[in-house]
Amino acid sequence: MALNFRHRRSEEPEINLIPFIDVLLVVLIFLMLSTTYTRFNELKVTLPMADTQKVKQTPHEITVSIASDGRFSVNGRLTEGASVEVMTAALIAAAEGQLESPVVISADALATHQSVVTVMDAARRAELLHLTFATQGSRTGASAR
């Protein structure tokens, strides 16, 4: 019995990178398609300044004041409620049949958005289509429209 002591040539294992790269590309494409990119854009808005020199008085304007706690007054008279129906009736009474009367909404800075929308809806129902918002002037602190 002869022993075969010949040195066998050992083959080194080869790592095939092509399937590995294929799998990584598939994962990369999946991540690119499934990821949402959120971009926070800030709106650049230039707000108009209220010029206190150009305030004009109209003979029959209706002033609606909205307090920070949600109370309403129409031309200085406190309303009995805060519903759209009550505000509509108060605006119709204050307009005295003059549908061209402008409604000046003077809302407190802490008044809710819903309060302002209530007055706007009531003015629409009363067919008073001219709405104006009272603002503070930037120089003297006087009211402007």
Protein backbone atom coordinates (compact mmCIF):
# COMPACT_ATOMS: atom_id res chain seq x y z
CA MET A 1 0.00 0.00 0.00
CA ALA A 2 1.47 3.13 -1.14
CA LEU A 3 0.54 6.32 0.45
CA ASN A 4 -0.06 9.23 -1.77
CA PHE A 5 1.67 12.18 -0.20
CA ARG A 6 1.35 14.54 -3.08
CA HIS A 7 0.64 18.08 -2.16
CA ARG A 8 -2.84 18.90 -3.23
CA ARG A 9 -3.38 22.32 -4.52
CA SER A 10 -5.97 23.96 -2.31
CA GLU A 11 -8.35 26.30 -3.99
CA GLU A 12 -9.03 29.47 -2.08
CA PRO A 13 -12.69 30.34 -1.75
CA GLU A 14 -13.72 33.19 -4.00
CA ILE A 15 -16.17 35.80 -2.87
CA ASN A 16 -18.39 36.83 -5.71
CA LEU A 17 -19.29 40.50 -5.17
CA ILE A 18 -21.77 40.88 -8.02
CA PRO A 19 -24.79 39.35 -6.18
CA PHE A 20 -23.86 41.36 -3.09
CA ILE A 21 -23.84 44.60 -5.11
CA ASP A 22 -27.15 43.65 -6.75
CA VAL A 23 -28.80 43.13 -3.37
CA LEU A 24 -27.42 46.43 -2.05
CA LEU A 25 -28.73 48.31 -5.09
CA VAL A 26 -32.18 46.80 -4.67
CA VAL A 27 -32.22 47.81 -0.99
CA LEU A 28 -31.02 51.31 -1.87
CA ILE A 29 -33.71 51.74 -4.53
CA PHE A 30 -36.36 50.47 -2.10
CA LEU A 31 -35.25 52.95 0.56
CA MET A 32 -35.19 55.81 -1.91
CA LEU A 33 -38.72 55.08 -3.09
CA SER A 34 -40.24 54.45 0.31
CA THR A 35 -38.67 57.36 2.17
CA THR A 36 -40.58 60.62 2.28
CA TYR A 37 -38.46 63.68 2.17
CA THR A 38 -39.89 66.44 4.28
CA ARG A 39 -38.80 69.89 3.46
CA PHE A 40 -39.79 72.70 5.76
CA ASN A 41 -40.36 75.79 3.70
CA GLU A 42 -41.16 78.96 5.48
CA LEU A 43 -43.69 81.15 3.76
CA LYS A 44 -42.34 84.59 3.15
CA VAL A 45 -45.30 86.87 3.64
CA THR A 46 -45.09 90.62 3.61
CA LEU A 47 -47.90 91.90 5.75
CA PRO A 48 -49.48 95.24 4.87
CA MET A 49 -49.01 98.16 7.21
CA ALA A 50 -52.04 100.09 8.38
CA ASP A 51 -51.65 103.75 7.47
CA THR A 52 -53.38 105.81 10.14
CA GLN A 53 -53.51 108.88 7.91
CA LYS A 54 -55.92 107.29 5.43
CA VAL A 55 -58.76 106.36 7.78
CA LYS A 56 -62.02 107.48 6.32
CA GLN A 57 -65.26 107.54 8.19
CA THR A 58 -68.41 106.37 6.50
CA PRO A 59 -71.71 107.76 7.65
CA HIS A 60 -73.34 104.45 8.55
CA GLU A 61 -70.79 101.84 9.49
CA ILE A 62 -71.51 98.94 11.81
CA THR A 63 -68.81 98.25 14.37
CA VAL A 64 -68.67 94.75 15.81
CA SER A 65 -66.35 94.37 18.79
CA ILE A 66 -65.18 90.94 19.91
CA ALA A 67 -63.72 90.62 23.40
CA SER A 68 -61.10 88.06 24.33
CA ASP A 69 -63.65 86.06 26.34
CA GLY A 70 -66.01 85.73 23.35
CA ARG A 71 -68.52 88.50 24.11
CA PHE A 72 -69.83 90.53 21.17
CA SER A 73 -71.07 94.08 20.90
CA VAL A 74 -72.64 95.73 17.87
CA ASN A 75 -72.24 99.50 17.74
CA GLY A 76 -71.41 99.53 21.45
CA ARG A 77 -74.43 97.46 22.54
CA LEU A 78 -73.68 94.06 24.08
CA THR A 79 -75.45 91.15 22.37
CA GLU A 80 -77.42 88.58 24.32
CA GLY A 81 -75.61 85.58 22.87
CA ALA A 82 -72.76 84.46 20.70
CA SER A 83 -74.59 82.37 18.10
CA VAL A 84 -74.74 83.15 14.41
CA GLU A 85 -78.49 83.71 14.58
CA VAL A 86 -78.19 86.28 17.39
CA MET A 87 -75.39 88.08 15.55
CA THR A 88 -77.39 88.07 12.30
CA ALA A 89 -80.38 89.65 14.02
CA ALA A 90 -78.17 92.27 15.68
CA LEU A 91 -76.50 93.16 12.38
CA ILE A 92 -79.82 93.43 10.55
CA ALA A 93 -81.13 95.74 13.27
CA ALA A 94 -77.96 97.87 13.19
CA ALA A 95 -77.99 98.13 9.37
CA GLU A 96 -81.49 99.64 9.37
CA GLY A 97 -82.10 98.41 5.83
CA GLN A 98 -78.89 99.91 4.39
CA LEU A 99 -77.15 96.89 2.84
CA GLU A 100 -74.20 99.00 1.68
CA SER A 101 -73.13 99.67 5.27
CA PRO A 102 -69.61 98.38 5.94
CA VAL A 103 -69.11 96.06 8.89
CA VAL A 104 -65.95 96.88 10.85
CA ILE A 105 -64.75 93.87 12.85
CA SER A 106 -62.66 94.94 15.82
CA ALA A 107 -61.44 91.74 17.47
CA ASP A 108 -59.22 91.48 20.50
CA ALA A 109 -55.84 89.88 19.80
CA LEU A 110 -56.77 86.98 22.09
CA ALA A 111 -60.23 86.44 20.59
CA THR A 112 -60.75 83.05 19.00
CA HIS A 113 -60.78 82.52 15.28
CA GLN A 114 -64.27 81.03 15.62
CA SER A 115 -65.58 84.33 17.01
CA VAL A 116 -64.38 86.22 13.94
CA VAL A 117 -65.81 83.55 11.61
CA THR A 118 -69.15 83.80 13.45
CA VAL A 119 -69.33 87.54 12.75
CA MET A 120 -68.35 87.01 9.11
CA ASP A 121 -71.02 84.32 8.68
CA ALA A 122 -73.63 86.52 10.36
CA ALA A 123 -72.73 89.43 8.05
CA ARG A 124 -73.11 87.16 5.03
CA ARG A 125 -76.52 85.98 6.25
CA ALA A 126 -77.56 89.60 6.84
CA GLU A 127 -76.41 90.37 3.26
CA LEU A 128 -73.84 92.87 4.49
CA LEU A 129 -71.03 92.19 2.08
CA HIS A 130 -68.57 94.97 2.93
CA LEU A 131 -66.30 93.73 5.72
CA THR A 132 -63.33 95.55 7.19
CA PHE A 133 -60.96 94.60 9.99
CA ALA A 134 -59.73 97.18 12.46
CA THR A 135 -55.98 97.14 13.06
CA GLN A 136 -53.49 98.97 15.20
CA GLY A 137 -51.38 101.58 13.47
CA SER A 138 -47.64 101.00 13.58
CA ARG A 139 -46.57 104.56 14.37
CA THR A 140 -49.10 106.21 16.64
CA GLY A 141 -51.09 103.25 17.93
CA ALA A 142 -54.32 104.67 16.50
CA SER A 143 -56.97 102.48 15.00
CA ALA A 144 -56.87 102.04 11.25
CA ARG A 145 -59.14 100.34 8.70
